[in-house]
Protein backbone atom coordinates (compact mmCIF):
# COMPACT_ATOMS: atom_id res chain seq x y z
CA UNK A 1 -0.16 0.02 -0.06
CA UNK A 2 3.16 1.73 0.56
CA UNK A 3 4.65 1.73 -2.78
CA UNK A 4 1.04 2.30 -4.62
CA UNK A 5 0.94 5.78 -2.77
CA UNK A 6 4.37 6.49 -2.79
CA UNK A 7 3.60 5.96 -7.41
CA UNK A 8 0.65 8.00 -6.94
CA UNK A 9 1.81 11.25 -4.87
CA UNK A 10 4.41 11.51 -8.15
CA UNK A 11 7.30 12.62 -6.16
CA UNK A 12 9.52 14.49 -8.35
CA UNK A 13 7.28 16.67 -10.23
CA UNK A 14 5.92 20.40 -9.38
CA UNK A 15 2.43 20.64 -8.70
CA UNK A 16 1.60 21.51 -12.81
CA UNK A 17 3.62 18.84 -14.39
CA UNK A 18 0.81 16.44 -11.35
CA UNK A 19 -2.15 18.19 -12.65
CA UNK A 20 -1.21 17.84 -16.57
CA UNK A 21 -0.71 13.69 -15.57
CA UNK A 22 -3.84 13.46 -13.66
CA UNK A 23 -5.64 16.13 -16.63
CA UNK A 24 -4.35 13.10 -18.98
CA UNK A 25 -5.59 10.44 -16.95
CA UNK A 26 -8.91 11.47 -16.54
CA UNK A 27 -9.23 11.94 -20.00
CA UNK A 28 -7.67 8.99 -20.91
CA UNK A 29 -10.51 7.37 -18.61
CA UNK A 30 -12.93 9.26 -20.33
CA UNK A 31 -12.56 8.26 -23.48
CA UNK A 32 -12.24 4.29 -22.99
CA UNK A 33 -15.51 4.70 -20.53
CA UNK A 34 -18.11 6.60 -23.35
CA UNK A 35 -19.93 3.93 -25.35
CA UNK A 36 -23.49 5.69 -27.03
CA UNK A 37 -23.75 9.26 -27.24
CA UNK A 38 -23.66 11.21 -30.43
CA UNK A 39 -20.51 12.19 -32.99
CA UNK A 40 -20.41 15.74 -31.02
CA UNK A 41 -19.56 14.97 -28.39
CA UNK A 42 -16.48 12.14 -28.98
CA UNK A 43 -15.35 14.68 -31.44
CA UNK A 44 -14.55 17.09 -27.60
CA UNK A 45 -13.37 14.46 -26.07
CA UNK A 46 -10.67 13.26 -28.71
CA UNK A 47 -9.80 16.66 -29.03
CA UNK A 48 -9.53 17.37 -25.81
CA UNK A 49 -7.53 13.57 -25.02
CA UNK A 50 -5.62 14.86 -27.85
CA UNK A 51 -4.93 18.52 -25.95
CA UNK A 52 -3.88 15.54 -22.73
CA UNK A 53 -1.67 13.81 -25.29
CA UNK A 54 0.10 17.88 -26.15
CA UNK A 55 0.58 18.76 -22.69
CA UNK A 56 1.89 15.28 -21.52
CA UNK A 57 5.00 15.67 -24.09
CA UNK A 58 6.28 18.46 -22.10
CA UNK A 59 6.43 15.98 -18.40
CA UNK A 60 9.94 13.96 -17.51
CA UNK A 61 7.74 11.41 -16.31
CA UNK A 62 10.73 9.19 -14.84
CA UNK A 63 12.19 5.70 -15.89
CA UNK A 64 10.16 2.29 -15.25
CA UNK A 65 12.96 0.22 -13.23
CA UNK A 66 12.03 -2.90 -15.23
CA UNK A 67 12.90 -2.08 -19.04
CA UNK A 68 17.21 -1.94 -18.21
């Protein structure tokens, strides 16, 4: 449980960077959770996710230790 809390705290990032990471995660969940919605709403969701993906590129995410 301590490891989960440590990872969710996003230590080493500024408050703005943490907000961008959470914005990306929430946008992804919203994109994946819509089943039957009007086309205009789906377009807005995709545009929102594209904006979140654009912003997440600015955040220096730490390397995964399992990749080495």
